[in-house]
Amino acid sequence: MTKAYDLAREAFAEWGVNTEAAMTALSKIAISVHCWQGDDVGGFERKSGSSGGGIQATGNHPGRARNPAELRADLDFAYGLIPGKHRLNLHAFYMDTEETPDRDQIELRHFTPWVDWAKDRGIGLDFNPTFFAHAKADDNLTLSHPDQGIRDFWIEHGARCREIAAGIGTAFGSQRVINHWVPDGSKDIPVDRMAARERLWASLDAMLAPGHDRKHMLDAVESKLFGIGVEAMTVGSHEFYLGYAIRKQIALCLDMGHFHPTESVADKLSAVALSVQDLLLHVSRPMRWDSDHVILLNDDILAMAQELVFAGLLPRTRIGLDYFDATISRTAAWVIGVRNMQKALLRALLLPQARLKATEGRLDYTARLALTEELKDLPFAAVWAEHCARADCPTGAALILGLERYQAKVATRG
């Protein structure tokens, strides 16, 4: 325990905040780390596919993982610099097998090395179907495609992914999250939005029809405002999936990059939580649009974390990350992003929540403003440094040196 932390603990105690309790609470929050940052959303399918679906990672920084073994090694390094035990979010086209199944043929055995690796390291494993980067997604239409054969292909893919997620949950004896996002939409103004949305609704119904034990698998659906090639209309809009999640009693995924830049996703949490039991967050940093930049410790992330804590939503919310930047070290992107999410959560946990709420409850907005501004001067960094030290994770110059050394090691991959 450092002198800086001793002083910080005393400073927070003057505000009625217990720093030990805050760090304990943070240590129990598992963040689902997205595998696709490590290889620029390329996947490891042995069948030839397509880059369709509006997914694009920009940049050519050296060190991209070229196979599952390299990706797992990179993840091992990143997890070693992140305090706590976390999860991995695995996309279906990251299978690890010598076989060449198409996506409507995949089975749990095609992911056995991932399951074994996660078990060995005590890492939770979530799962996503991959409705993009495939020849049958080149029209930016999958579950809402007018062709019944194409819809059936993707329905089968989604159903098999649900079986895989449930199988992983059974193997671990705990719940896995499976998140369904499709790129479907129209580049120019459509004349029949209803038909496309009716097809998507029916396809989802068929895909989600097989029952799985909720103890082992939780379905989530994710909306999007627009994307590359679907600028005019996204079939699975926020309103579409909000209604679907309520009706089906499944989780709703809110991606910070999937709304208009002027919207606050933090503000949406308490609004949708009144109607939806389970929430999934994809934390990202959109710049002008859904550009998926690495998370900064900025106002948007701080507001998100504070809303999760103050609204009591942490027990009902699964926190995942979703960004991919190929202009910088991919392992550094993981480490910096996850740690910034943790820093934001710690800051929220270190606020005198009861006092702030009481001030607002008596309509004393002057006191609320004064409090929120004064609290910004508290020594949050000293508590974070102590939290990292207890987890044997570096901070400051030592962290940067570790990131640079690993990047130099993987840069030779070409």
Protein backbone atom coordinates (compact mmCIF):
# COMPACT_ATOMS: atom_id res chain seq x y z
CA MET A 1 0.00 0.00 0.00
CA THR A 2 1.60 3.27 -1.11
CA LYS A 3 1.58 6.63 0.62
CA ALA A 4 -0.30 8.07 -2.37
CA TYR A 5 -3.07 5.52 -1.86
CA ASP A 6 -3.19 6.18 1.90
CA LEU A 7 -3.76 9.86 1.19
CA ALA A 8 -6.35 9.07 -1.47
CA ARG A 9 -8.23 6.73 0.84
CA GLU A 10 -8.44 9.48 3.44
CA ALA A 11 -9.56 12.03 0.85
CA PHE A 12 -12.41 9.81 -0.34
CA ALA A 13 -13.36 8.91 3.23
CA GLU A 14 -14.05 12.59 3.90
CA TRP A 15 -16.79 12.28 1.28
CA GLY A 16 -18.12 9.08 2.81
CA VAL A 17 -16.60 6.85 0.10
CA ASN A 18 -14.89 3.55 0.93
CA THR A 19 -12.11 2.99 -1.60
CA GLU A 20 -11.64 -0.64 -0.57
CA ALA A 21 -15.30 -1.39 -1.30
CA ALA A 22 -15.01 0.35 -4.68
CA MET A 23 -12.00 -1.72 -5.72
CA THR A 24 -13.69 -4.91 -4.55
CA ALA A 25 -16.77 -4.06 -6.62
CA LEU A 26 -14.62 -3.33 -9.69
CA SER A 27 -12.78 -6.64 -9.35
CA LYS A 28 -16.10 -8.47 -9.79
CA ILE A 29 -16.99 -6.80 -13.11
CA ALA A 30 -16.00 -8.96 -16.07
CA ILE A 31 -15.61 -7.23 -19.44
CA SER A 32 -16.01 -9.24 -22.65
CA VAL A 33 -12.99 -8.52 -24.83
CA HIS A 34 -13.65 -8.64 -28.58
CA CYS A 35 -11.44 -11.07 -30.49
CA TRP A 36 -11.72 -9.19 -33.78
CA GLN A 37 -9.44 -6.30 -32.75
CA GLY A 38 -6.51 -8.73 -32.98
CA ASP A 39 -6.74 -9.53 -36.70
CA ASP A 40 -8.73 -6.63 -38.19
CA VAL A 41 -12.01 -8.61 -38.37
CA GLY A 42 -10.57 -11.13 -40.80
CA GLY A 43 -11.48 -14.44 -39.17
CA PHE A 44 -9.89 -17.83 -39.81
CA GLU A 45 -12.29 -19.61 -42.12
CA ARG A 46 -10.64 -21.91 -44.64
CA LYS A 47 -13.45 -21.41 -47.14
CA SER A 48 -13.14 -18.39 -49.40
CA GLY A 49 -15.56 -15.70 -48.40
CA SER A 50 -16.22 -12.04 -49.05
CA SER A 51 -15.61 -8.76 -47.28
CA GLY A 52 -19.26 -7.78 -47.51
CA GLY A 53 -21.43 -6.53 -44.70
CA GLY A 54 -20.15 -3.02 -44.15
CA ILE A 55 -17.20 -4.11 -41.99
CA GLN A 56 -13.91 -2.34 -42.60
CA ALA A 57 -10.76 -2.01 -40.51
CA THR A 58 -8.41 0.70 -41.76
CA GLY A 59 -4.64 0.71 -41.40
CA ASN A 60 -1.80 -1.74 -41.86
CA HIS A 61 0.15 -1.66 -38.61
CA PRO A 62 2.53 -4.65 -38.36
CA GLY A 63 1.72 -7.53 -36.03
CA ARG A 64 -1.73 -8.71 -37.10
CA ALA A 65 -2.58 -12.17 -35.81
CA ARG A 66 -2.54 -14.59 -38.77
CA ASN A 67 -3.96 -17.67 -37.12
CA PRO A 68 -5.77 -18.74 -33.94
CA ALA A 69 -2.54 -19.56 -32.09
CA GLU A 70 -1.15 -16.06 -32.65
CA LEU A 71 -4.45 -14.48 -31.68
CA ARG A 72 -4.58 -16.46 -28.44
CA ALA A 73 -0.97 -15.50 -27.66
CA ASP A 74 -1.83 -11.84 -28.18
CA LEU A 75 -4.86 -12.19 -25.94
CA ASP A 76 -2.76 -13.87 -23.24
CA PHE A 77 -0.44 -10.87 -23.28
CA ALA A 78 -3.30 -8.38 -23.14
CA TYR A 79 -5.15 -10.12 -20.31
CA GLY A 80 -1.90 -10.11 -18.33
CA LEU A 81 -1.95 -6.29 -18.29
CA ILE A 82 -5.63 -5.95 -17.35
CA PRO A 83 -6.63 -6.27 -13.67
CA GLY A 84 -9.26 -8.90 -12.90
CA LYS A 85 -10.75 -11.91 -14.66
CA HIS A 86 -12.55 -11.17 -17.89
CA ARG A 87 -14.25 -12.79 -20.88
CA LEU A 88 -13.67 -13.20 -24.61
CA ASN A 89 -16.26 -12.49 -27.27
CA LEU A 90 -15.63 -14.92 -30.14
CA HIS A 91 -17.12 -14.52 -33.62
CA ALA A 92 -18.17 -17.64 -35.51
CA PHE A 93 -15.71 -17.16 -38.35
CA TYR A 94 -12.81 -17.48 -35.90
CA MET A 95 -13.20 -21.26 -35.87
CA ASP A 96 -10.05 -23.28 -35.23
CA THR A 97 -10.22 -26.42 -37.36
CA GLU A 98 -8.59 -28.08 -40.35
CA GLU A 99 -12.06 -28.72 -41.77
CA THR A 100 -13.81 -26.38 -44.19
CA PRO A 101 -17.43 -26.17 -43.05
CA ASP A 102 -19.63 -23.45 -44.46
CA ARG A 103 -21.41 -21.37 -41.87
CA ASP A 104 -24.57 -23.42 -41.97
CA GLN A 105 -22.49 -26.49 -41.06
CA ILE A 106 -20.41 -25.33 -38.09
CA GLU A 107 -20.45 -27.29 -34.83
CA LEU A 108 -19.02 -26.91 -31.34
CA ARG A 109 -16.09 -29.19 -32.20
CA HIS A 110 -14.82 -26.59 -34.65
CA PHE A 111 -14.12 -24.34 -31.65
CA THR A 112 -12.67 -26.91 -29.25
CA PRO A 113 -9.22 -25.23 -29.04
CA TRP A 114 -10.88 -21.97 -28.00
CA VAL A 115 -12.95 -23.69 -25.32
CA ASP A 116 -9.90 -25.52 -23.97
CA TRP A 117 -7.84 -22.32 -23.93
CA ALA A 118 -10.56 -20.34 -22.14
CA LYS A 119 -11.07 -23.09 -19.56
CA ASP A 120 -7.35 -23.33 -18.89
CA ARG A 121 -7.13 -19.60 -18.19
CA GLY A 122 -10.41 -19.15 -16.36
CA ILE A 123 -11.76 -16.83 -19.07
CA GLY A 124 -15.47 -16.67 -19.83
CA LEU A 125 -16.33 -17.27 -23.48
CA ASP A 126 -19.15 -15.46 -25.27
CA PHE A 127 -20.10 -16.11 -28.90
CA ASN A 128 -21.45 -14.27 -31.95
CA PRO A 129 -22.81 -15.53 -35.26
CA THR A 130 -21.09 -13.91 -38.25
CA PHE A 131 -23.66 -12.49 -40.68
CA PHE A 132 -21.09 -10.67 -42.83
CA ALA A 133 -17.91 -11.35 -44.87
CA HIS A 134 -19.56 -14.10 -46.88
CA ALA A 135 -20.70 -14.46 -50.50
CA LYS A 136 -24.30 -14.79 -49.32
CA ALA A 137 -24.08 -11.41 -47.56
CA ASP A 138 -22.74 -9.44 -50.52
CA ASP A 139 -26.06 -7.65 -51.04
CA ASN A 140 -25.96 -6.46 -47.40
CA LEU A 141 -28.99 -8.68 -46.91
CA THR A 142 -29.08 -11.88 -44.87
CA LEU A 143 -32.07 -12.69 -42.65
CA SER A 144 -34.21 -10.18 -44.55
CA HIS A 145 -33.15 -11.23 -48.05
CA PRO A 146 -36.05 -11.68 -50.52
CA ASP A 147 -34.59 -15.07 -51.50
CA GLN A 148 -35.93 -17.73 -49.13
CA GLY A 149 -32.89 -19.94 -49.79
CA ILE A 150 -30.48 -17.26 -48.60
CA ARG A 151 -32.64 -16.56 -45.56
CA ASP A 152 -32.69 -20.28 -44.75
CA PHE A 153 -28.88 -20.41 -44.98
CA TRP A 154 -28.52 -17.62 -42.42
CA ILE A 155 -31.30 -18.96 -40.18
CA GLU A 156 -29.40 -22.25 -40.02
CA HIS A 157 -26.15 -20.41 -39.29
CA GLY A 158 -27.76 -18.52 -36.42
CA ALA A 159 -29.40 -21.66 -35.05
CA ARG A 160 -26.10 -23.54 -35.10
CA CYS A 161 -24.35 -20.65 -33.38
CA ARG A 162 -26.98 -20.77 -30.64
CA GLU A 163 -26.30 -24.49 -30.24
CA ILE A 164 -22.58 -23.76 -29.99
CA ALA A 165 -23.10 -20.99 -27.42
CA ALA A 166 -25.35 -23.26 -25.36
CA GLY A 167 -22.76 -26.03 -25.61
CA ILE A 168 -20.05 -23.67 -24.37
CA GLY A 169 -22.32 -22.61 -21.51
CA THR A 170 -22.91 -26.24 -20.59
CA ALA A 171 -19.16 -26.97 -20.69
CA PHE A 172 -18.46 -24.01 -18.40
CA GLY A 173 -21.54 -24.46 -16.24
CA SER A 174 -22.49 -20.80 -16.63
CA GLN A 175 -24.29 -18.41 -18.96
CA ARG A 176 -22.83 -17.39 -22.31
CA VAL A 177 -24.05 -14.33 -24.21
CA ILE A 178 -24.78 -14.74 -27.92
CA ASN A 179 -25.33 -11.48 -29.73
CA HIS A 180 -27.16 -11.29 -33.06
CA TRP A 181 -26.28 -8.42 -35.40
CA VAL A 182 -27.07 -8.42 -39.11
CA PRO A 183 -25.90 -5.84 -41.68
CA ASP A 184 -29.21 -5.82 -43.57
CA GLY A 185 -30.30 -2.57 -45.15
CA SER A 186 -30.54 -0.45 -48.26
CA LYS A 187 -28.00 1.90 -49.81
CA ASP A 188 -30.71 4.04 -51.40
CA ILE A 189 -34.25 4.89 -50.37
CA PRO A 190 -36.41 1.74 -50.31
CA VAL A 191 -40.07 1.64 -51.28
CA ASP A 192 -41.08 -1.32 -49.10
CA ARG A 193 -39.51 -1.15 -45.66
CA MET A 194 -42.29 -3.19 -44.14
CA ALA A 195 -41.61 -6.27 -46.28
CA ALA A 196 -37.92 -6.32 -45.30
CA ARG A 197 -38.74 -5.95 -41.62
CA GLU A 198 -41.40 -8.64 -41.75
CA ARG A 199 -38.86 -11.02 -43.29
CA LEU A 200 -36.28 -10.19 -40.63
CA TRP A 201 -38.85 -10.65 -37.84
CA ALA A 202 -39.92 -14.05 -39.22
CA SER A 203 -36.32 -15.17 -39.73
CA LEU A 204 -35.42 -14.24 -36.16
CA ASP A 205 -38.44 -16.14 -34.90
CA ALA A 206 -37.33 -19.25 -36.78
CA MET A 207 -33.70 -18.88 -35.69
CA LEU A 208 -34.58 -18.39 -32.01
CA ALA A 209 -37.27 -21.07 -31.94
CA PRO A 210 -35.09 -23.94 -30.64
CA GLY A 211 -35.17 -23.74 -26.86
CA HIS A 212 -31.94 -23.57 -24.84
CA ASP A 213 -31.46 -23.36 -21.09
CA ARG A 214 -31.17 -19.70 -20.11
CA LYS A 215 -28.65 -20.73 -17.47
CA HIS A 216 -26.27 -21.57 -20.28
CA MET A 217 -27.11 -19.06 -23.01
CA LEU A 218 -28.58 -15.55 -23.24
CA ASP A 219 -29.71 -14.22 -26.63
CA ALA A 220 -29.21 -10.54 -27.44
CA VAL A 221 -30.18 -8.48 -30.49
CA GLU A 222 -28.28 -5.42 -31.69
CA SER A 223 -29.49 -2.46 -33.72
CA LYS A 224 -27.66 -0.02 -35.97
CA LEU A 225 -28.48 3.41 -37.34
CA PHE A 226 -26.68 3.00 -40.68
CA GLY A 227 -23.48 1.66 -42.17
CA ILE A 228 -21.43 1.33 -45.33
CA GLY A 229 -23.79 0.29 -48.10
CA VAL A 230 -26.91 0.73 -45.96
CA GLU A 231 -26.98 4.50 -45.65
CA ALA A 232 -30.68 4.91 -46.44
CA MET A 233 -32.28 2.27 -44.23
CA THR A 234 -31.19 -0.34 -41.70
CA VAL A 235 -33.76 -3.11 -41.39
CA GLY A 236 -32.84 -3.87 -37.78
CA SER A 237 -33.22 -0.37 -36.35
CA HIS A 238 -33.26 0.51 -32.65
CA GLU A 239 -37.04 0.63 -32.60
CA PHE A 240 -37.27 -2.73 -34.36
CA TYR A 241 -35.03 -4.53 -31.89
CA LEU A 242 -36.36 -2.79 -28.82
CA GLY A 243 -39.81 -4.12 -29.66
CA TYR A 244 -38.43 -7.53 -30.52
CA ALA A 245 -36.43 -7.81 -27.29
CA ILE A 246 -39.44 -6.84 -25.19
CA ARG A 247 -41.70 -9.31 -26.96
CA LYS A 248 -39.21 -12.19 -26.81
CA GLN A 249 -37.85 -11.33 -23.35
CA ILE A 250 -34.26 -11.46 -24.57
CA ALA A 251 -31.38 -9.04 -24.05
CA LEU A 252 -31.07 -5.77 -25.95
CA CYS A 253 -27.60 -4.76 -27.12
CA LEU A 254 -26.76 -1.06 -27.24
CA ASP A 255 -23.64 -0.28 -29.27
CA MET A 256 -22.25 3.20 -28.63
CA GLY A 257 -21.39 3.57 -32.31
CA HIS A 258 -24.79 2.58 -33.64
CA PHE A 259 -26.67 5.81 -32.97
CA HIS A 260 -26.53 9.39 -34.14
CA PRO A 261 -23.38 11.13 -32.85
CA THR A 262 -25.49 13.60 -30.86
CA GLU A 263 -27.36 10.87 -28.98
CA SER A 264 -26.27 9.78 -25.51
CA VAL A 265 -26.31 6.01 -25.19
CA ALA A 266 -25.85 6.42 -21.43
CA ASP A 267 -29.20 8.22 -21.36
CA LYS A 268 -30.87 5.26 -23.07
CA LEU A 269 -29.89 2.76 -20.36
CA SER A 270 -32.47 3.67 -17.74
CA ALA A 271 -35.12 4.22 -20.42
CA VAL A 272 -34.87 0.75 -21.96
CA ALA A 273 -34.17 -0.97 -18.62
CA LEU A 274 -37.76 -0.29 -17.57
CA SER A 275 -38.95 -2.62 -20.35
CA VAL A 276 -36.02 -4.99 -20.97
CA GLN A 277 -34.65 -7.20 -18.22
CA ASP A 278 -31.18 -7.90 -19.64
CA LEU A 279 -28.84 -5.46 -21.37
CA LEU A 280 -25.67 -5.91 -23.39
CA LEU A 281 -23.32 -3.01 -24.03
CA HIS A 282 -20.88 -2.75 -26.90
CA VAL A 283 -18.60 0.05 -25.79
CA SER A 284 -16.89 1.89 -28.60
CA ARG A 285 -15.85 5.39 -29.64
CA PRO A 286 -17.61 6.58 -32.79
CA MET A 287 -16.00 9.51 -34.56
CA ARG A 288 -18.63 11.15 -36.76
CA TRP A 289 -20.12 7.68 -37.42
CA ASP A 290 -19.67 4.03 -36.40
CA SER A 291 -15.91 4.14 -36.90
CA ASP A 292 -15.06 1.98 -33.87
CA HIS A 293 -12.09 3.88 -32.45
CA VAL A 294 -10.30 2.66 -29.31
CA ILE A 295 -12.02 3.76 -26.12
CA LEU A 296 -10.75 6.92 -24.45
CA LEU A 297 -11.47 7.90 -20.87
CA ASN A 298 -13.77 10.63 -22.17
CA ASP A 299 -17.10 12.10 -21.12
CA ASP A 300 -19.12 9.49 -23.02
CA ILE A 301 -17.44 6.57 -21.24
CA LEU A 302 -17.61 8.28 -17.86
CA ALA A 303 -21.32 8.98 -18.33
CA MET A 304 -21.94 5.36 -19.35
CA ALA A 305 -20.16 4.00 -16.30
CA GLN A 306 -21.89 6.39 -13.93
CA GLU A 307 -25.30 5.48 -15.32
CA LEU A 308 -24.58 1.78 -14.88
CA VAL A 309 -23.58 2.33 -11.24
CA PHE A 310 -26.12 4.96 -10.20
CA ALA A 311 -29.07 3.23 -11.90
CA GLY A 312 -28.14 -0.09 -10.30
CA LEU A 313 -27.84 -1.74 -13.70
CA LEU A 314 -24.54 -3.61 -13.29
CA PRO A 315 -26.21 -6.91 -12.24
CA ARG A 316 -28.40 -6.80 -15.39
CA THR A 317 -25.81 -5.58 -17.87
CA ARG A 318 -23.09 -7.48 -19.73
CA ILE A 319 -20.30 -5.16 -20.77
CA GLY A 320 -18.48 -5.91 -24.01
CA LEU A 321 -16.19 -3.89 -26.23
CA ASP A 322 -16.44 -3.40 -29.98
CA TYR A 323 -13.76 -1.50 -31.87
CA PHE A 324 -11.03 -2.34 -34.36
CA ASP A 325 -8.14 -0.06 -35.26
CA ALA A 326 -5.41 -1.35 -37.56
CA THR A 327 -3.40 1.90 -37.47
CA ILE A 328 -1.94 1.13 -34.03
CA SER A 329 -0.69 -1.86 -32.07
CA ARG A 330 -3.63 -4.23 -31.79
CA THR A 331 -2.60 -5.56 -28.39
CA ALA A 332 -2.16 -2.03 -27.07
CA ALA A 333 -5.64 -1.20 -28.38
CA TRP A 334 -7.10 -4.03 -26.28
CA VAL A 335 -5.20 -3.10 -23.13
CA ILE A 336 -5.85 0.64 -23.32
CA GLY A 337 -9.53 0.21 -24.17
CA VAL A 338 -10.38 -2.34 -21.47
CA ARG A 339 -8.44 -0.45 -18.81
CA ASN A 340 -10.22 2.79 -19.73
CA MET A 341 -13.57 1.05 -19.27
CA GLN A 342 -12.38 -0.15 -15.88
CA LYS A 343 -11.14 3.32 -14.93
CA ALA A 344 -14.53 4.79 -15.80
CA LEU A 345 -16.32 2.19 -13.68
CA LEU A 346 -13.96 2.78 -10.77
CA ARG A 347 -14.54 6.52 -10.92
CA ALA A 348 -18.29 5.95 -10.79
CA LEU A 349 -17.90 3.57 -7.85
CA LEU A 350 -15.83 6.21 -6.02
CA LEU A 351 -18.53 8.88 -6.16
CA PRO A 352 -20.70 9.67 -3.09
CA GLN A 353 -23.81 8.34 -4.81
CA ALA A 354 -26.26 8.75 -1.91
CA ARG A 355 -25.25 12.36 -1.28
CA LEU A 356 -25.52 13.29 -4.94
CA LYS A 357 -28.94 11.68 -5.28
CA ALA A 358 -30.20 13.31 -2.10
CA THR A 359 -29.11 16.72 -3.35
CA GLU A 360 -30.94 16.20 -6.62
CA GLY A 361 -33.98 14.82 -4.80
CA ARG A 362 -34.47 18.08 -2.92
CA LEU A 363 -34.07 20.02 -6.18
CA ASP A 364 -30.89 21.75 -5.02
CA TYR A 365 -29.32 22.02 -8.43
CA THR A 366 -26.71 24.53 -7.30
CA ALA A 367 -25.36 22.10 -4.74
CA ARG A 368 -25.49 19.30 -7.32
CA LEU A 369 -23.39 21.37 -9.73
CA ALA A 370 -20.92 22.35 -7.04
CA LEU A 371 -20.57 18.77 -5.84
CA THR A 372 -20.05 17.25 -9.26
CA GLU A 373 -17.37 19.80 -10.09
CA GLU A 374 -15.51 19.48 -6.77
CA LEU A 375 -15.53 15.70 -6.99
CA LYS A 376 -13.52 15.88 -10.21
CA ASP A 377 -10.50 16.92 -8.14
CA LEU A 378 -10.43 13.75 -6.05
CA PRO A 379 -7.34 11.49 -6.47
CA PHE A 380 -8.95 8.77 -8.59
CA ALA A 381 -5.62 7.90 -10.24
CA ALA A 382 -4.04 6.86 -6.93
CA VAL A 383 -6.84 4.37 -6.30
CA TRP A 384 -6.53 2.98 -9.83
CA ALA A 385 -2.76 2.58 -9.38
CA GLU A 386 -3.35 0.69 -6.13
CA HIS A 387 -5.93 -1.54 -7.82
CA CYS A 388 -3.45 -2.38 -10.59
CA ALA A 389 -0.60 -2.99 -8.13
CA ARG A 390 -2.68 -5.51 -6.19
CA ALA A 391 -3.35 -7.35 -9.47
CA ASP A 392 0.36 -7.19 -10.38
CA CYS A 393 -0.45 -5.06 -13.44
CA PRO A 394 1.83 -2.17 -14.42
CA THR A 395 0.86 1.48 -14.82
CA GLY A 396 2.52 4.53 -16.30
CA ALA A 397 5.94 4.15 -17.93
CA ALA A 398 6.14 0.44 -17.05
CA LEU A 399 2.88 -0.24 -18.90
CA ILE A 400 4.04 1.64 -21.99
CA LEU A 401 7.37 -0.19 -21.99
CA GLY A 402 5.62 -3.56 -21.81
CA LEU A 403 3.32 -2.65 -24.70
CA GLU A 404 6.24 -1.46 -26.82
CA ARG A 405 8.30 -4.60 -26.19
CA TYR A 406 5.48 -6.93 -27.17
CA GLN A 407 4.71 -4.92 -30.29
CA ALA A 408 8.35 -5.14 -31.34
CA LYS A 409 8.13 -8.90 -30.89
CA VAL A 410 5.04 -9.37 -33.08
CA ALA A 411 5.99 -6.76 -35.69
CA THR A 412 8.08 -9.39 -37.48
CA ARG A 413 4.95 -11.30 -38.48
CA GLY A 414 4.73 -9.15 -41.58
